[in-house]
Amino acid sequence: MEKLQHRLENLEKKLTDFEQDITVLRTLVDQDEPSALNKIRYIIEKALYNLSQKNDISWGKGEPTLENMIGPLIKNQIIPKDVATHIRLSLNVLSRLPLPNTTNSKPRPKHNFVYHE
């Protein structure tokens, strides 16, 4: 866990736009794993939102969620397909992990990601 905290500290220094979010994430990692996973998703969505705004990319009429923003960002070559695949895979795997400290060990529901070519 110490290694993870060190990596997050380095990210805080490099990604100043996300400094407060990463500070909160560092706290959550040690205290509340489900909330930490939600914070990771929030940070990713914030990054995709910023990229969409910076590059004038629309995600359509829906909410600015990861699922809605990532396709147009790939289509407009703002993020490479391999990075998008890594994001989707990571979130999909994380969403299937059982919740810690609960008697319910069933995996979480699978996300229905839409892939845009």
C-alpha atoms as a PDB file:
ATOM      1  CA  MET A   1       0.000   0.000   0.000  1.00  0.00           C
ATOM      2  CA  GLU A   2       2.944   2.296   0.674  1.00  0.00           C
ATOM      3  CA  LYS A   3       4.049   1.955  -2.954  1.00  0.00           C
ATOM      4  CA  LEU A   4       0.569   2.954  -4.143  1.00  0.00           C
ATOM      5  CA  GLN A   5       0.534   5.995  -1.866  1.00  0.00           C
ATOM      6  CA  HIS A   6       3.916   7.063  -3.268  1.00  0.00           C
ATOM      7  CA  ARG A   7       2.628   6.714  -6.842  1.00  0.00           C
ATOM      8  CA  LEU A   8      -0.460   8.773  -5.992  1.00  0.00           C
ATOM      9  CA  GLU A   9       1.733  11.469  -4.407  1.00  0.00           C
ATOM     10  CA  ASN A  10       3.720  11.664  -7.650  1.00  0.00           C
ATOM     11  CA  LEU A  11       0.493  11.978  -9.653  1.00  0.00           C
ATOM     12  CA  GLU A  12      -0.659  14.815  -7.400  1.00  0.00           C
ATOM     13  CA  LYS A  13       2.485  16.750  -8.271  1.00  0.00           C
ATOM     14  CA  LYS A  14       2.226  16.100 -12.016  1.00  0.00           C
ATOM     15  CA  LEU A  15      -1.538  16.460 -12.515  1.00  0.00           C
ATOM     16  CA  THR A  16      -2.296  19.749 -10.819  1.00  0.00           C
ATOM     17  CA  ASP A  17      -5.834  19.906 -12.262  1.00  0.00           C
ATOM     18  CA  PHE A  18      -6.593  16.700 -10.354  1.00  0.00           C
ATOM     19  CA  GLU A  19      -4.602  17.419  -7.199  1.00  0.00           C
ATOM     20  CA  GLN A  20      -7.595  17.692  -4.860  1.00  0.00           C
ATOM     21  CA  ASP A  21      -9.248  14.585  -6.312  1.00  0.00           C
ATOM     22  CA  ILE A  22      -6.072  12.542  -5.948  1.00  0.00           C
ATOM     23  CA  THR A  23      -5.624  13.770  -2.369  1.00  0.00           C
ATOM     24  CA  VAL A  24      -9.116  12.474  -1.570  1.00  0.00           C
ATOM     25  CA  LEU A  25      -8.345   9.224  -3.398  1.00  0.00           C
ATOM     26  CA  ARG A  26      -5.205   8.707  -1.288  1.00  0.00           C
ATOM     27  CA  THR A  27      -7.363   8.892   1.840  1.00  0.00           C
ATOM     28  CA  LEU A  28     -10.076   6.621   0.452  1.00  0.00           C
ATOM     29  CA  VAL A  29      -7.645   3.896  -0.651  1.00  0.00           C
ATOM     30  CA  ASP A  30      -6.812   3.173   2.992  1.00  0.00           C
ATOM     31  CA  GLN A  31     -10.304   3.686   4.421  1.00  0.00           C
ATOM     32  CA  ASP A  32     -13.075   2.844   1.961  1.00  0.00           C
ATOM     33  CA  GLU A  33     -12.272   0.750  -1.111  1.00  0.00           C
ATOM     34  CA  PRO A  34     -15.688   1.053  -2.839  1.00  0.00           C
ATOM     35  CA  SER A  35     -15.527   4.838  -2.508  1.00  0.00           C
ATOM     36  CA  ALA A  36     -11.961   4.791  -3.829  1.00  0.00           C
ATOM     37  CA  LEU A  37     -13.148   2.913  -6.926  1.00  0.00           C
ATOM     38  CA  ASN A  38     -15.914   5.485  -7.423  1.00  0.00           C
ATOM     39  CA  LYS A  39     -13.341   8.267  -7.080  1.00  0.00           C
ATOM     40  CA  ILE A  40     -11.146   6.631  -9.735  1.00  0.00           C
ATOM     41  CA  ARG A  41     -14.108   6.577 -12.100  1.00  0.00           C
ATOM     42  CA  TYR A  42     -14.879  10.220 -11.271  1.00  0.00           C
ATOM     43  CA  ILE A  43     -11.277  11.243 -12.029  1.00  0.00           C
ATOM     44  CA  ILE A  44     -11.352   9.397 -15.359  1.00  0.00           C
ATOM     45  CA  GLU A  45     -14.675  10.998 -16.282  1.00  0.00           C
ATOM     46  CA  LYS A  46     -13.303  14.406 -15.326  1.00  0.00           C
ATOM     47  CA  ALA A  47     -10.278  13.861 -17.567  1.00  0.00           C
ATOM     48  CA  LEU A  48     -12.489  12.759 -20.481  1.00  0.00           C
ATOM     49  CA  TYR A  49     -14.792  15.740 -19.910  1.00  0.00           C
ATOM     50  CA  ASN A  50     -11.814  18.121 -19.971  1.00  0.00           C
ATOM     51  CA  LEU A  51     -10.545  16.534 -23.191  1.00  0.00           C
ATOM     52  CA  SER A  52     -14.004  16.812 -24.744  1.00  0.00           C
ATOM     53  CA  GLN A  53     -14.312  20.471 -23.806  1.00  0.00           C
ATOM     54  CA  LYS A  54     -10.764  21.351 -24.873  1.00  0.00           C
ATOM     55  CA  ASN A  55     -11.246  19.719 -28.279  1.00  0.00           C
ATOM     56  CA  ASP A  56     -14.889  20.773 -28.796  1.00  0.00           C
ATOM     57  CA  ILE A  57     -16.078  17.143 -28.913  1.00  0.00           C
ATOM     58  CA  SER A  58     -19.744  16.397 -28.242  1.00  0.00           C
ATOM     59  CA  TRP A  59     -20.848  13.246 -26.390  1.00  0.00           C
ATOM     60  CA  GLY A  60     -24.426  13.620 -27.596  1.00  0.00           C
ATOM     61  CA  LYS A  61     -27.602  14.357 -25.654  1.00  0.00           C
ATOM     62  CA  GLY A  62     -26.837  12.091 -22.699  1.00  0.00           C
ATOM     63  CA  GLU A  63     -25.002  12.808 -19.498  1.00  0.00           C
ATOM     64  CA  PRO A  64     -21.214  13.263 -19.701  1.00  0.00           C
ATOM     65  CA  THR A  65     -20.390   9.736 -18.539  1.00  0.00           C
ATOM     66  CA  LEU A  66     -17.370   7.675 -19.397  1.00  0.00           C
ATOM     67  CA  GLU A  67     -19.502   5.516 -21.667  1.00  0.00           C
ATOM     68  CA  ASN A  68     -20.870   8.529 -23.564  1.00  0.00           C
ATOM     69  CA  MET A  69     -17.613  10.471 -23.869  1.00  0.00           C
ATOM     70  CA  ILE A  70     -15.044   7.813 -24.723  1.00  0.00           C
ATOM     71  CA  GLY A  71     -16.438   6.839 -28.149  1.00  0.00           C
ATOM     72  CA  PRO A  72     -16.392  10.351 -29.642  1.00  0.00           C
ATOM     73  CA  LEU A  73     -12.915  10.940 -28.199  1.00  0.00           C
ATOM     74  CA  ILE A  74     -11.654   7.797 -29.947  1.00  0.00           C
ATOM     75  CA  LYS A  75     -13.454   8.617 -33.197  1.00  0.00           C
ATOM     76  CA  ASN A  76     -11.858  12.082 -33.267  1.00  0.00           C
ATOM     77  CA  GLN A  77      -8.449  10.579 -32.446  1.00  0.00           C
ATOM     78  CA  ILE A  78      -8.137  12.505 -29.188  1.00  0.00           C
ATOM     79  CA  ILE A  79      -7.284   9.367 -27.249  1.00  0.00           C
ATOM     80  CA  PRO A  80      -5.728   6.257 -28.799  1.00  0.00           C
ATOM     81  CA  LYS A  81      -7.801   3.077 -28.985  1.00  0.00           C
ATOM     82  CA  ASP A  82      -5.321   1.178 -26.817  1.00  0.00           C
ATOM     83  CA  VAL A  83      -5.698   3.748 -24.017  1.00  0.00           C
ATOM     84  CA  ALA A  84      -9.485   3.558 -24.279  1.00  0.00           C
ATOM     85  CA  THR A  85      -9.318  -0.230 -24.167  1.00  0.00           C
ATOM     86  CA  HIS A  86      -7.171  -0.057 -21.046  1.00  0.00           C
ATOM     87  CA  ILE A  87      -9.657   2.334 -19.377  1.00  0.00           C
ATOM     88  CA  ARG A  88     -12.657   0.171 -20.243  1.00  0.00           C
ATOM     89  CA  LEU A  89     -10.972  -3.056 -19.215  1.00  0.00           C
ATOM     90  CA  SER A  90      -9.759  -1.641 -15.915  1.00  0.00           C
ATOM     91  CA  LEU A  91     -13.170  -0.283 -14.984  1.00  0.00           C
ATOM     92  CA  ASN A  92     -14.888  -3.467 -16.094  1.00  0.00           C
ATOM     93  CA  VAL A  93     -12.578  -5.601 -13.944  1.00  0.00           C
ATOM     94  CA  LEU A  94     -12.924  -3.253 -10.972  1.00  0.00           C
ATOM     95  CA  SER A  95     -16.702  -3.266 -11.253  1.00  0.00           C
ATOM     96  CA  ARG A  96     -16.751  -7.062 -10.952  1.00  0.00           C
ATOM     97  CA  LEU A  97     -14.794  -7.191  -7.703  1.00  0.00           C
ATOM     98  CA  PRO A  98     -16.823  -8.180  -4.647  1.00  0.00           C
ATOM     99  CA  LEU A  99     -17.477  -5.410  -2.181  1.00  0.00           C
ATOM    100  CA  PRO A 100     -15.117  -5.685   0.808  1.00  0.00           C
ATOM    101  CA  ASN A 101     -16.434  -6.278   4.319  1.00  0.00           C
ATOM    102  CA  THR A 102     -19.813  -7.568   3.189  1.00  0.00           C
ATOM    103  CA  THR A 103     -21.460 -10.950   3.232  1.00  0.00           C
ATOM    104  CA  ASN A 104     -22.480 -10.484  -0.398  1.00  0.00           C
ATOM    105  CA  SER A 105     -19.614 -11.865  -2.454  1.00  0.00           C
ATOM    106  CA  LYS A 106     -21.467 -11.670  -5.771  1.00  0.00           C
ATOM    107  CA  PRO A 107     -19.716  -9.620  -8.439  1.00  0.00           C
ATOM    108  CA  ARG A 108     -21.176  -6.261  -9.370  1.00  0.00           C
ATOM    109  CA  PRO A 109     -23.225  -6.018 -12.568  1.00  0.00           C
ATOM    110  CA  LYS A 110     -21.320  -5.922 -15.830  1.00  0.00           C
ATOM    111  CA  HIS A 111     -21.082  -2.565 -17.596  1.00  0.00           C
ATOM    112  CA  ASN A 112     -22.448  -2.435 -21.116  1.00  0.00           C
ATOM    113  CA  PHE A 113     -19.734  -0.483 -22.878  1.00  0.00           C
ATOM    114  CA  VAL A 114     -20.379   0.676 -26.409  1.00  0.00           C
ATOM    115  CA  TYR A 115     -17.364   0.436 -28.684  1.00  0.00           C
ATOM    116  CA  HIS A 116     -17.097   2.950 -31.496  1.00  0.00           C
ATOM    117  CA  GLU A 117     -14.787   2.258 -34.387  1.00  0.00           C
END
